[in-house]
Amino acid sequence: MQAYKSKADLQSAVEWLAARDDRLAHAYDKHGLPPLRKRADGFDGLCRLLISQQVSTAAASAIQARFDALLPDKSPAQLLAVPDEALAACGVSRPKQRYLRGLARAIVEDGLNLAALRRAEDDNVFDTLVALTGIGPWTADCYLLFCLGRPDRFPAGDLALQQAYKMLYRRNTRPDAAELAALAQVWQPHRAAAARLLWTYYNGELGSQ
């Protein structure tokens, strides 16, 4: 399927899901159409995802703002020229410094062509990304979902998605990544829209408490 390029694309997918799943229909009725949240792809997009790993949204935003000021060109070569101390001053942890530099070296020294991933099949993109140090399934799936707009990716390891599923489907326990990935199969070929619905439901319910 083609990538989601507009709100109209996303709305069509959400309505398809709502017609087949009463609980997703409830989430849609209560909280409305999720945001598309399209992000830049390439080096900048992957850097943002790496920075946001395992930190709160507020912390990620603060670190990202300092990182953007430090690297206005957003280029791999510029990152490689920046000393560790400068990245640390931005709030980038030592492991993430290693991940970011590994990504930059893969582009500069090994010829990784991130632009070519725009035309690659989902599984090829996923395999290329998880082969890089510091990029796991969550980051790879989020890159496919948000940066490339792919319609059928679902980062089942995301804790907010797991908790949203527990809340929306009135379960006593939160599904783990493997179980949620299996449960999400029924939403093919629009698992990315289902993920957006679940995130929006989760944030909306937390905001109403």
N, C-alpha and C. Protein backbone atom coordinates (compact mmCIF):
# COMPACT_ATOMS: atom_id res chain seq x y z
N MET A 1 0.83 -1.20 0.00
CA MET A 1 0.00 0.00 0.00
C MET A 1 0.87 1.25 0.00
N GLN A 2 0.30 2.34 -0.53
CA GLN A 2 1.03 3.59 -0.57
C GLN A 2 1.12 4.20 0.82
N ALA A 3 2.12 5.05 1.01
CA ALA A 3 2.33 5.71 2.29
C ALA A 3 1.19 6.68 2.57
N TYR A 4 0.94 6.89 3.87
CA TYR A 4 0.01 7.95 4.26
C TYR A 4 0.69 9.29 3.98
N LYS A 5 0.07 10.09 3.11
CA LYS A 5 0.65 11.38 2.77
C LYS A 5 -0.19 12.55 3.26
N SER A 6 -1.41 12.29 3.70
CA SER A 6 -2.30 13.37 4.10
C SER A 6 -3.25 12.89 5.18
N LYS A 7 -3.96 13.85 5.80
CA LYS A 7 -4.98 13.50 6.78
C LYS A 7 -6.09 12.68 6.15
N ALA A 8 -6.36 12.96 4.87
CA ALA A 8 -7.41 12.20 4.18
C ALA A 8 -7.03 10.73 4.08
N ASP A 9 -5.76 10.44 3.80
CA ASP A 9 -5.30 9.05 3.76
C ASP A 9 -5.49 8.38 5.11
N LEU A 10 -5.11 9.11 6.17
CA LEU A 10 -5.22 8.56 7.51
C LEU A 10 -6.69 8.37 7.90
N GLN A 11 -7.52 9.34 7.57
CA GLN A 11 -8.94 9.23 7.92
C GLN A 11 -9.59 8.03 7.25
N SER A 12 -9.25 7.79 6.00
CA SER A 12 -9.79 6.63 5.30
C SER A 12 -9.41 5.34 6.02
N ALA A 13 -8.15 5.25 6.46
CA ALA A 13 -7.68 4.06 7.17
C ALA A 13 -8.38 3.93 8.52
N VAL A 14 -8.52 5.03 9.25
CA VAL A 14 -9.17 4.99 10.56
C VAL A 14 -10.63 4.56 10.42
N GLU A 15 -11.31 5.06 9.42
CA GLU A 15 -12.71 4.67 9.23
C GLU A 15 -12.83 3.20 8.84
N TRP A 16 -11.87 2.71 8.09
CA TRP A 16 -11.83 1.28 7.75
C TRP A 16 -11.71 0.45 9.03
N LEU A 17 -10.83 0.88 9.93
CA LEU A 17 -10.63 0.16 11.19
C LEU A 17 -11.88 0.26 12.08
N ALA A 18 -12.45 1.46 12.17
CA ALA A 18 -13.60 1.67 13.04
C ALA A 18 -14.80 0.83 12.61
N ALA A 19 -14.91 0.56 11.32
CA ALA A 19 -16.01 -0.25 10.82
C ALA A 19 -15.85 -1.72 11.18
N ARG A 20 -14.64 -2.10 11.59
CA ARG A 20 -14.35 -3.51 11.86
C ARG A 20 -14.02 -3.81 13.31
N ASP A 21 -13.81 -2.77 14.10
CA ASP A 21 -13.39 -2.98 15.49
C ASP A 21 -14.14 -1.98 16.37
N ASP A 22 -15.06 -2.46 17.19
CA ASP A 22 -15.90 -1.59 18.01
C ASP A 22 -15.09 -0.76 19.01
N ARG A 23 -14.02 -1.32 19.53
CA ARG A 23 -13.24 -0.58 20.52
C ARG A 23 -12.43 0.54 19.86
N LEU A 24 -11.88 0.28 18.68
CA LEU A 24 -11.20 1.35 17.96
C LEU A 24 -12.21 2.41 17.52
N ALA A 25 -13.42 1.99 17.17
CA ALA A 25 -14.48 2.94 16.83
C ALA A 25 -14.78 3.84 18.03
N HIS A 26 -14.80 3.25 19.23
CA HIS A 26 -15.03 4.03 20.45
C HIS A 26 -13.91 5.06 20.65
N ALA A 27 -12.67 4.63 20.46
CA ALA A 27 -11.54 5.55 20.61
C ALA A 27 -11.64 6.70 19.60
N TYR A 28 -12.02 6.39 18.39
CA TYR A 28 -12.17 7.40 17.32
C TYR A 28 -13.30 8.36 17.67
N ASP A 29 -14.43 7.84 18.11
CA ASP A 29 -15.57 8.69 18.45
C ASP A 29 -15.25 9.62 19.61
N LYS A 30 -14.49 9.12 20.56
CA LYS A 30 -14.22 9.90 21.77
C LYS A 30 -13.12 10.94 21.58
N HIS A 31 -12.10 10.59 20.83
CA HIS A 31 -10.92 11.46 20.76
C HIS A 31 -10.62 11.98 19.35
N GLY A 32 -11.39 11.56 18.38
CA GLY A 32 -11.25 12.12 17.05
C GLY A 32 -10.10 11.54 16.24
N LEU A 33 -9.88 12.16 15.09
CA LEU A 33 -8.83 11.68 14.18
C LEU A 33 -7.45 11.94 14.78
N PRO A 34 -6.61 10.93 14.83
CA PRO A 34 -5.25 11.15 15.36
C PRO A 34 -4.45 12.07 14.44
N PRO A 35 -3.44 12.73 14.99
CA PRO A 35 -2.56 13.53 14.12
C PRO A 35 -1.71 12.63 13.24
N LEU A 36 -1.38 13.11 12.06
CA LEU A 36 -0.55 12.33 11.14
C LEU A 36 0.88 12.21 11.68
N ARG A 37 1.36 13.30 12.28
CA ARG A 37 2.69 13.32 12.90
C ARG A 37 3.78 12.88 11.92
N LYS A 38 3.74 13.40 10.72
CA LYS A 38 4.77 13.09 9.73
C LYS A 38 6.06 13.80 10.12
N ARG A 39 7.15 13.07 10.12
CA ARG A 39 8.45 13.61 10.50
C ARG A 39 9.43 13.51 9.35
N ALA A 40 10.49 14.28 9.46
CA ALA A 40 11.54 14.22 8.45
C ALA A 40 12.17 12.83 8.45
N ASP A 41 12.57 12.37 7.28
CA ASP A 41 13.28 11.09 7.22
C ASP A 41 14.78 11.35 7.15
N GLY A 42 15.54 10.34 6.78
CA GLY A 42 16.97 10.51 6.64
C GLY A 42 17.70 10.63 7.96
N PHE A 43 18.86 11.24 7.92
CA PHE A 43 19.72 11.35 9.09
C PHE A 43 19.04 12.11 10.22
N ASP A 44 18.40 13.22 9.90
CA ASP A 44 17.73 14.02 10.91
C ASP A 44 16.64 13.22 11.61
N GLY A 45 15.83 12.52 10.84
CA GLY A 45 14.75 11.75 11.42
C GLY A 45 15.24 10.65 12.34
N LEU A 46 16.28 9.94 11.93
CA LEU A 46 16.83 8.88 12.78
C LEU A 46 17.48 9.44 14.04
N CYS A 47 18.15 10.56 13.92
CA CYS A 47 18.73 11.19 15.11
C CYS A 47 17.64 11.53 16.12
N ARG A 48 16.54 12.06 15.65
CA ARG A 48 15.43 12.41 16.55
C ARG A 48 14.89 11.18 17.26
N LEU A 49 14.76 10.10 16.54
CA LEU A 49 14.26 8.89 17.16
C LEU A 49 15.25 8.32 18.19
N LEU A 50 16.52 8.37 17.86
CA LEU A 50 17.53 7.89 18.80
C LEU A 50 17.53 8.74 20.07
N ILE A 51 17.42 10.04 19.91
CA ILE A 51 17.40 10.93 21.07
C ILE A 51 16.18 10.68 21.95
N SER A 52 15.06 10.33 21.33
CA SER A 52 13.81 10.16 22.09
C SER A 52 13.67 8.79 22.74
N GLN A 53 14.60 7.89 22.47
CA GLN A 53 14.52 6.55 23.07
C GLN A 53 14.58 6.61 24.59
N GLN A 54 13.59 6.00 25.24
CA GLN A 54 13.62 5.75 26.69
C GLN A 54 13.74 7.01 27.53
N VAL A 55 13.23 8.13 27.03
CA VAL A 55 13.13 9.35 27.84
C VAL A 55 11.73 9.92 27.64
N SER A 56 11.32 10.78 28.54
CA SER A 56 10.00 11.39 28.43
C SER A 56 9.94 12.33 27.23
N THR A 57 8.74 12.64 26.81
CA THR A 57 8.56 13.57 25.68
C THR A 57 9.17 14.92 25.99
N ALA A 58 8.98 15.40 27.22
CA ALA A 58 9.52 16.70 27.60
C ALA A 58 11.04 16.69 27.58
N ALA A 59 11.64 15.64 28.12
CA ALA A 59 13.10 15.54 28.13
C ALA A 59 13.65 15.45 26.71
N ALA A 60 13.00 14.64 25.87
CA ALA A 60 13.44 14.50 24.49
C ALA A 60 13.39 15.84 23.76
N SER A 61 12.33 16.61 23.99
CA SER A 61 12.19 17.91 23.32
C SER A 61 13.30 18.87 23.75
N ALA A 62 13.63 18.86 25.04
CA ALA A 62 14.68 19.74 25.54
C ALA A 62 16.04 19.35 24.97
N ILE A 63 16.34 18.06 24.98
CA ILE A 63 17.61 17.59 24.43
C ILE A 63 17.68 17.89 22.94
N GLN A 64 16.57 17.64 22.23
CA GLN A 64 16.54 17.87 20.78
C GLN A 64 16.78 19.33 20.45
N ALA A 65 16.22 20.25 21.22
CA ALA A 65 16.41 21.68 20.95
C ALA A 65 17.88 22.06 21.08
N ARG A 66 18.56 21.54 22.10
CA ARG A 66 19.98 21.84 22.26
C ARG A 66 20.80 21.17 21.17
N PHE A 67 20.43 19.97 20.80
CA PHE A 67 21.11 19.24 19.72
C PHE A 67 20.96 19.99 18.40
N ASP A 68 19.77 20.50 18.11
CA ASP A 68 19.54 21.25 16.87
C ASP A 68 20.39 22.52 16.83
N ALA A 69 20.53 23.18 17.97
CA ALA A 69 21.34 24.39 18.01
C ALA A 69 22.82 24.07 17.80
N LEU A 70 23.24 22.90 18.29
CA LEU A 70 24.64 22.49 18.15
C LEU A 70 24.96 22.08 16.72
N LEU A 71 24.00 21.46 16.03
CA LEU A 71 24.21 20.95 14.68
C LEU A 71 23.19 21.58 13.71
N PRO A 72 23.37 22.82 13.35
CA PRO A 72 22.38 23.47 12.49
C PRO A 72 22.27 22.84 11.11
N ASP A 73 23.34 22.23 10.62
CA ASP A 73 23.31 21.61 9.28
C ASP A 73 22.70 20.22 9.29
N LYS A 74 22.58 19.60 10.44
CA LYS A 74 22.03 18.24 10.57
C LYS A 74 22.74 17.25 9.64
N SER A 75 24.05 17.37 9.54
CA SER A 75 24.77 16.48 8.64
C SER A 75 25.61 15.48 9.43
N PRO A 76 25.82 14.27 8.88
CA PRO A 76 26.67 13.28 9.56
C PRO A 76 28.08 13.80 9.78
N ALA A 77 28.64 14.50 8.80
CA ALA A 77 30.01 15.00 8.93
C ALA A 77 30.09 16.02 10.07
N GLN A 78 29.09 16.86 10.20
CA GLN A 78 29.08 17.84 11.28
C GLN A 78 29.01 17.14 12.64
N LEU A 79 28.21 16.09 12.73
CA LEU A 79 28.12 15.36 14.00
C LEU A 79 29.46 14.73 14.36
N LEU A 80 30.12 14.15 13.39
CA LEU A 80 31.40 13.50 13.67
C LEU A 80 32.47 14.49 14.12
N ALA A 81 32.30 15.75 13.75
CA ALA A 81 33.29 16.77 14.13
C ALA A 81 33.03 17.36 15.52
N VAL A 82 31.87 17.07 16.08
CA VAL A 82 31.49 17.62 17.39
C VAL A 82 32.10 16.77 18.50
N PRO A 83 32.74 17.37 19.49
CA PRO A 83 33.33 16.58 20.59
C PRO A 83 32.26 15.97 21.49
N ASP A 84 32.64 14.90 22.17
CA ASP A 84 31.71 14.23 23.08
C ASP A 84 31.18 15.19 24.14
N GLU A 85 32.04 16.09 24.62
CA GLU A 85 31.63 17.00 25.68
C GLU A 85 30.47 17.90 25.24
N ALA A 86 30.47 18.28 23.98
CA ALA A 86 29.40 19.14 23.48
C ALA A 86 28.08 18.38 23.41
N LEU A 87 28.15 17.12 22.99
CA LEU A 87 26.93 16.31 22.97
C LEU A 87 26.42 16.05 24.38
N ALA A 88 27.35 15.79 25.30
CA ALA A 88 26.96 15.56 26.69
C ALA A 88 26.29 16.81 27.26
N ALA A 89 26.77 17.98 26.89
CA ALA A 89 26.18 19.23 27.38
C ALA A 89 24.75 19.41 26.87
N CYS A 90 24.44 18.79 25.76
CA CYS A 90 23.07 18.82 25.23
C CYS A 90 22.14 17.88 25.98
N GLY A 91 22.73 16.98 26.77
CA GLY A 91 21.94 15.99 27.47
C GLY A 91 21.94 14.63 26.78
N VAL A 92 22.77 14.46 25.75
CA VAL A 92 22.85 13.18 25.05
C VAL A 92 23.71 12.22 25.88
N SER A 93 23.15 11.12 26.28
CA SER A 93 23.87 10.15 27.10
C SER A 93 25.04 9.53 26.33
N ARG A 94 25.95 8.93 27.07
CA ARG A 94 27.11 8.31 26.42
C ARG A 94 26.71 7.20 25.44
N PRO A 95 25.77 6.30 25.81
CA PRO A 95 25.35 5.29 24.82
C PRO A 95 24.75 5.92 23.56
N LYS A 96 23.94 6.95 23.75
CA LYS A 96 23.33 7.58 22.57
C LYS A 96 24.35 8.33 21.73
N GLN A 97 25.38 8.86 22.36
CA GLN A 97 26.46 9.45 21.58
C GLN A 97 27.07 8.40 20.66
N ARG A 98 27.27 7.21 21.21
CA ARG A 98 27.84 6.11 20.41
C ARG A 98 26.90 5.72 19.27
N TYR A 99 25.60 5.67 19.54
CA TYR A 99 24.63 5.31 18.51
C TYR A 99 24.60 6.36 17.39
N LEU A 100 24.59 7.63 17.79
CA LEU A 100 24.54 8.72 16.80
C LEU A 100 25.80 8.73 15.94
N ARG A 101 26.95 8.54 16.57
CA ARG A 101 28.20 8.53 15.80
C ARG A 101 28.27 7.28 14.91
N GLY A 102 27.75 6.16 15.39
CA GLY A 102 27.72 4.97 14.56
C GLY A 102 26.87 5.16 13.32
N LEU A 103 25.74 5.83 13.48
CA LEU A 103 24.88 6.14 12.33
C LEU A 103 25.60 7.07 11.36
N ALA A 104 26.25 8.09 11.90
CA ALA A 104 26.96 9.04 11.04
C ALA A 104 28.09 8.34 10.27
N ARG A 105 28.82 7.47 10.93
CA ARG A 105 29.91 6.74 10.26
C ARG A 105 29.37 5.79 9.20
N ALA A 106 28.24 5.16 9.48
CA ALA A 106 27.65 4.26 8.49
C ALA A 106 27.32 5.01 7.21
N ILE A 107 26.94 6.27 7.33
CA ILE A 107 26.62 7.09 6.16
C ILE A 107 27.89 7.59 5.49
N VAL A 108 28.79 8.17 6.28
CA VAL A 108 29.99 8.82 5.72
C VAL A 108 31.02 7.79 5.25
N GLU A 109 31.24 6.75 6.04
CA GLU A 109 32.32 5.81 5.74
C GLU A 109 31.84 4.55 5.02
N ASP A 110 30.62 4.10 5.31
CA ASP A 110 30.16 2.83 4.74
C ASP A 110 29.17 3.00 3.60
N GLY A 111 28.80 4.23 3.32
CA GLY A 111 27.93 4.48 2.17
C GLY A 111 26.46 4.16 2.39
N LEU A 112 26.00 4.14 3.63
CA LEU A 112 24.57 3.92 3.88
C LEU A 112 23.77 5.03 3.21
N ASN A 113 22.83 4.64 2.37
CA ASN A 113 22.03 5.61 1.61
C ASN A 113 20.61 5.61 2.16
N LEU A 114 20.35 6.53 3.07
CA LEU A 114 19.03 6.58 3.69
C LEU A 114 17.95 7.02 2.71
N ALA A 115 18.32 7.82 1.72
CA ALA A 115 17.32 8.25 0.73
C ALA A 115 16.78 7.06 -0.05
N ALA A 116 17.62 6.06 -0.27
CA ALA A 116 17.18 4.87 -1.02
C ALA A 116 16.13 4.08 -0.27
N LEU A 117 16.08 4.25 1.06
CA LEU A 117 15.11 3.51 1.85
C LEU A 117 13.68 3.96 1.56
N ARG A 118 13.53 5.17 1.02
CA ARG A 118 12.18 5.66 0.70
C ARG A 118 11.49 4.75 -0.31
N ARG A 119 12.27 4.07 -1.13
CA ARG A 119 11.70 3.23 -2.19
C ARG A 119 11.79 1.74 -1.84
N ALA A 120 12.37 1.42 -0.71
CA ALA A 120 12.59 0.02 -0.34
C ALA A 120 11.35 -0.57 0.33
N GLU A 121 11.24 -1.90 0.26
CA GLU A 121 10.16 -2.59 0.95
C GLU A 121 10.33 -2.46 2.46
N ASP A 122 9.22 -2.54 3.17
CA ASP A 122 9.24 -2.36 4.63
C ASP A 122 10.28 -3.25 5.31
N ASP A 123 10.27 -4.53 4.98
CA ASP A 123 11.18 -5.45 5.66
C ASP A 123 12.64 -5.13 5.36
N ASN A 124 12.92 -4.66 4.16
CA ASN A 124 14.30 -4.28 3.82
C ASN A 124 14.74 -3.06 4.62
N VAL A 125 13.83 -2.09 4.76
CA VAL A 125 14.14 -0.92 5.58
C VAL A 125 14.40 -1.35 7.02
N PHE A 126 13.51 -2.16 7.54
CA PHE A 126 13.63 -2.63 8.93
C PHE A 126 14.96 -3.34 9.15
N ASP A 127 15.30 -4.27 8.27
CA ASP A 127 16.54 -5.05 8.43
C ASP A 127 17.77 -4.16 8.32
N THR A 128 17.73 -3.18 7.43
CA THR A 128 18.86 -2.25 7.28
C THR A 128 19.08 -1.45 8.55
N LEU A 129 17.99 -0.99 9.15
CA LEU A 129 18.10 -0.13 10.33
C LEU A 129 18.51 -0.91 11.57
N VAL A 130 17.91 -2.07 11.79
CA VAL A 130 18.24 -2.80 13.03
C VAL A 130 19.65 -3.38 12.99
N ALA A 131 20.28 -3.38 11.83
CA ALA A 131 21.68 -3.81 11.74
C ALA A 131 22.63 -2.75 12.30
N LEU A 132 22.13 -1.53 12.52
CA LEU A 132 22.95 -0.46 13.05
C LEU A 132 22.91 -0.47 14.58
N THR A 133 24.03 -0.18 15.20
CA THR A 133 24.11 -0.17 16.66
C THR A 133 23.16 0.86 17.25
N GLY A 134 22.37 0.41 18.23
CA GLY A 134 21.47 1.32 18.93
C GLY A 134 20.09 1.43 18.33
N ILE A 135 19.88 0.84 17.15
CA ILE A 135 18.57 0.89 16.52
C ILE A 135 17.92 -0.49 16.65
N GLY A 136 16.87 -0.54 17.45
CA GLY A 136 16.14 -1.78 17.65
C GLY A 136 14.81 -1.75 16.92
N PRO A 137 13.97 -2.74 17.17
CA PRO A 137 12.68 -2.82 16.48
C PRO A 137 11.80 -1.59 16.67
N TRP A 138 11.77 -1.03 17.88
CA TRP A 138 10.92 0.15 18.12
C TRP A 138 11.34 1.31 17.24
N THR A 139 12.63 1.60 17.21
CA THR A 139 13.12 2.72 16.41
C THR A 139 12.89 2.49 14.93
N ALA A 140 13.16 1.27 14.48
CA ALA A 140 12.97 0.96 13.06
C ALA A 140 11.51 1.08 12.65
N ASP A 141 10.61 0.55 13.48
CA ASP A 141 9.19 0.64 13.15
C ASP A 141 8.69 2.07 13.20
N CYS A 142 9.14 2.84 14.18
CA CYS A 142 8.73 4.25 14.26
C CYS A 142 9.27 5.04 13.06
N TYR A 143 10.46 4.70 12.59
CA TYR A 143 10.98 5.37 11.39
C TYR A 143 10.09 5.07 10.19
N LEU A 144 9.73 3.81 10.03
CA LEU A 144 8.83 3.43 8.93
C LEU A 144 7.48 4.11 9.07
N LEU A 145 6.97 4.17 10.29
CA LEU A 145 5.63 4.70 10.53
C LEU A 145 5.59 6.22 10.36
N PHE A 146 6.47 6.94 11.05
CA PHE A 146 6.40 8.40 11.09
C PHE A 146 7.22 9.09 10.00
N CYS A 147 8.39 8.55 9.70
CA CYS A 147 9.29 9.23 8.76
C CYS A 147 9.01 8.84 7.31
N LEU A 148 8.61 7.59 7.10
CA LEU A 148 8.32 7.14 5.74
C LEU A 148 6.82 7.00 5.49
N GLY A 149 6.01 7.13 6.52
CA GLY A 149 4.55 7.10 6.36
C GLY A 149 3.98 5.75 5.97
N ARG A 150 4.70 4.67 6.28
CA ARG A 150 4.22 3.35 5.87
C ARG A 150 2.96 2.99 6.67
N PRO A 151 1.95 2.40 6.01
CA PRO A 151 0.64 2.22 6.63
C PRO A 151 0.49 0.97 7.49
N ASP A 152 1.44 0.06 7.46
CA ASP A 152 1.20 -1.22 8.14
C ASP A 152 2.33 -1.59 9.09
N ARG A 153 2.89 -0.59 9.78
CA ARG A 153 3.91 -0.86 10.79
C ARG A 153 3.32 -0.62 12.17
N PHE A 154 3.76 -1.41 13.13
CA PHE A 154 3.19 -1.34 14.47
C PHE A 154 4.29 -1.64 15.49
N PRO A 155 4.78 -0.62 16.21
CA PRO A 155 5.85 -0.84 17.20
C PRO A 155 5.31 -1.44 18.49
N ALA A 156 5.13 -2.73 18.48
CA ALA A 156 4.44 -3.42 19.59
C ALA A 156 5.19 -3.32 20.91
N GLY A 157 6.47 -3.00 20.86
CA GLY A 157 7.23 -2.85 22.09
C GLY A 157 7.00 -1.53 22.80
N ASP A 158 6.21 -0.63 22.21
CA ASP A 158 5.95 0.68 22.80
C ASP A 158 5.06 0.52 24.03
N LEU A 159 5.51 1.01 25.17
CA LEU A 159 4.77 0.82 26.42
C LEU A 159 3.43 1.55 26.40
N ALA A 160 3.38 2.70 25.76
CA ALA A 160 2.12 3.45 25.70
C ALA A 160 1.09 2.69 24.88
N LEU A 161 1.51 2.05 23.80
CA LEU A 161 0.58 1.23 23.01
C LEU A 161 0.08 0.05 23.82
N GLN A 162 0.97 -0.57 24.56
CA GLN A 162 0.57 -1.72 25.37
C GLN A 162 -0.44 -1.30 26.45
N GLN A 163 -0.17 -0.16 27.08
CA GLN A 163 -1.08 0.32 28.12
C GLN A 163 -2.40 0.78 27.51
N ALA A 164 -2.35 1.40 26.36
CA ALA A 164 -3.58 1.84 25.68
C ALA A 164 -4.45 0.65 25.34
N TYR A 165 -3.83 -0.42 24.87
CA TYR A 165 -4.61 -1.62 24.55
C TYR A 165 -5.27 -2.17 25.82
N LYS A 166 -4.53 -2.22 26.91
CA LYS A 166 -5.10 -2.69 28.17
C LYS A 166 -6.31 -1.85 28.57
N MET A 167 -6.19 -0.54 28.46
CA MET A 167 -7.28 0.36 28.85
C MET A 167 -8.48 0.25 27.91
N LEU A 168 -8.22 0.30 26.62
CA LEU A 168 -9.30 0.34 25.65
C LEU A 168 -10.08 -0.97 25.60
N TYR A 169 -9.35 -2.07 25.73
CA TYR A 169 -9.99 -3.39 25.63
C TYR A 169 -10.32 -3.98 27.00
N ARG A 170 -10.15 -3.14 28.05
CA ARG A 170 -10.60 -3.48 29.40
C ARG A 170 -10.00 -4.79 29.90
N ARG A 171 -8.70 -4.88 29.75
CA ARG A 171 -7.97 -6.06 30.22
C ARG A 171 -7.42 -5.82 31.62
N ASN A 172 -7.16 -6.90 32.33
CA ASN A 172 -6.56 -6.78 33.66
C ASN A 172 -5.06 -6.61 33.60
N THR A 173 -4.45 -7.07 32.53
CA THR A 173 -3.00 -7.00 32.39
C THR A 173 -2.63 -6.35 31.06
N ARG A 174 -1.43 -5.79 31.04
CA ARG A 174 -0.93 -5.16 29.83
C ARG A 174 -0.24 -6.21 28.96
N PRO A 175 -0.60 -6.29 27.67
CA PRO A 175 0.08 -7.27 26.81
C PRO A 175 1.54 -6.89 26.60
N ASP A 176 2.38 -7.90 26.50
CA ASP A 176 3.78 -7.61 26.18
C ASP A 176 3.93 -7.44 24.67
N ALA A 177 5.14 -7.20 24.22
CA ALA A 177 5.36 -6.89 22.81
C ALA A 177 4.92 -8.04 21.91
N ALA A 178 5.26 -9.26 22.28
CA ALA A 178 4.91 -10.40 21.43
C ALA A 178 3.40 -10.59 21.33
N GLU A 179 2.72 -10.46 22.47
CA GLU A 179 1.27 -10.63 22.45
C GLU A 179 0.60 -9.51 21.68
N LEU A 180 1.04 -8.28 21.89
CA LEU A 180 0.42 -7.16 21.19
C LEU A 180 0.66 -7.25 19.69
N ALA A 181 1.84 -7.69 19.29
CA ALA A 181 2.11 -7.86 17.86
C ALA A 181 1.15 -8.87 17.25
N ALA A 182 0.87 -9.95 18.00
CA ALA A 182 -0.07 -10.95 17.50
C ALA A 182 -1.49 -10.39 17.44
N LEU A 183 -1.89 -9.65 18.47
CA LEU A 183 -3.22 -9.06 18.49
C LEU A 183 -3.41 -8.05 17.35
N ALA A 184 -2.34 -7.35 17.02
CA ALA A 184 -2.42 -6.30 15.99
C ALA A 184 -2.59 -6.86 14.58
N GLN A 185 -2.38 -8.14 14.41
CA GLN A 185 -2.50 -8.73 13.08
C GLN A 185 -3.88 -8.48 12.47
N VAL A 186 -4.91 -8.41 13.30
CA VAL A 186 -6.27 -8.23 12.77
C VAL A 186 -6.46 -6.85 12.15
N TRP A 187 -5.54 -5.92 12.41
CA TRP A 187 -5.67 -4.56 11.87
C TRP A 187 -4.94 -4.37 10.55
N GLN A 188 -4.32 -5.41 10.05
CA GLN A 188 -3.69 -5.29 8.73
C GLN A 188 -4.75 -4.97 7.68
N PRO A 189 -4.44 -4.15 6.70
CA PRO A 189 -3.15 -3.53 6.36
C PRO A 189 -3.01 -2.10 6.88
N HIS A 190 -3.66 -1.79 8.02
CA HIS A 190 -3.64 -0.42 8.54
C HIS A 190 -3.20 -0.40 10.00
N ARG A 191 -2.17 -1.19 10.32
CA ARG A 191 -1.72 -1.21 11.70
C ARG A 191 -1.14 0.12 12.15
N ALA A 192 -0.58 0.89 11.23
CA ALA A 192 -0.04 2.20 11.61
C ALA A 192 -1.16 3.14 12.05
N ALA A 193 -2.31 3.07 11.39
CA ALA A 193 -3.45 3.89 11.80
C ALA A 193 -3.98 3.42 13.15
N ALA A 194 -3.98 2.11 13.38
CA ALA A 194 -4.40 1.58 14.68
C ALA A 194 -3.47 2.08 15.78
N ALA A 195 -2.17 2.09 15.51
CA ALA A 195 -1.22 2.60 16.49
C ALA A 195 -1.51 4.06 16.81
N ARG A 196 -1.77 4.87 15.80
CA ARG A 196 -2.08 6.28 16.03
C ARG A 196 -3.36 6.44 16.85
N LEU A 197 -4.36 5.62 16.57
CA LEU A 197 -5.59 5.66 17.37
C LEU A 197 -5.30 5.32 18.83
N LEU A 198 -4.50 4.31 19.06
CA LEU A 198 -4.19 3.90 20.42
C LEU A 198 -3.39 4.96 21.16
N TRP A 199 -2.41 5.56 20.51
CA TRP A 199 -1.64 6.64 21.15
C TRP A 199 -2.55 7.81 21.51
N THR A 200 -3.44 8.19 20.58
CA THR A 200 -4.33 9.31 20.82
C THR A 200 -5.30 8.99 21.96
N TYR A 201 -5.79 7.77 21.99
CA TYR A 201 -6.68 7.35 23.07
C TYR A 201 -5.94 7.40 24.41
N TYR A 202 -4.74 6.88 24.44
CA TYR A 202 -3.95 6.86 25.67
C TYR A 202 -3.71 8.27 26.20
N ASN A 203 -3.26 9.17 25.32
CA ASN A 203 -2.98 10.54 25.75
C ASN A 203 -4.26 11.26 26.16
N GLY A 204 -5.34 11.00 25.43
CA GLY A 204 -6.61 11.64 25.75
C GLY A 204 -7.16 11.19 27.09
N GLU A 205 -7.04 9.89 27.37
CA GLU A 205 -7.54 9.38 28.64
C GLU A 205 -6.70 9.87 29.81
N LEU A 206 -5.40 9.96 29.63
CA LEU A 206 -4.56 10.48 30.69
C LEU A 206 -4.87 11.95 30.97
N GLY A 207 -5.14 12.68 29.89
CA GLY A 207 -5.45 14.10 30.04
C GLY A 207 -6.78 14.36 30.70
N SER A 208 -7.68 13.39 30.66
CA SER A 208 -9.00 13.58 31.23
C SER A 208 -9.09 13.15 32.68
N GLN A 209 -7.99 12.60 33.22
CA GLN A 209 -8.01 12.12 34.60
C GLN A 209 -7.76 13.27 35.58
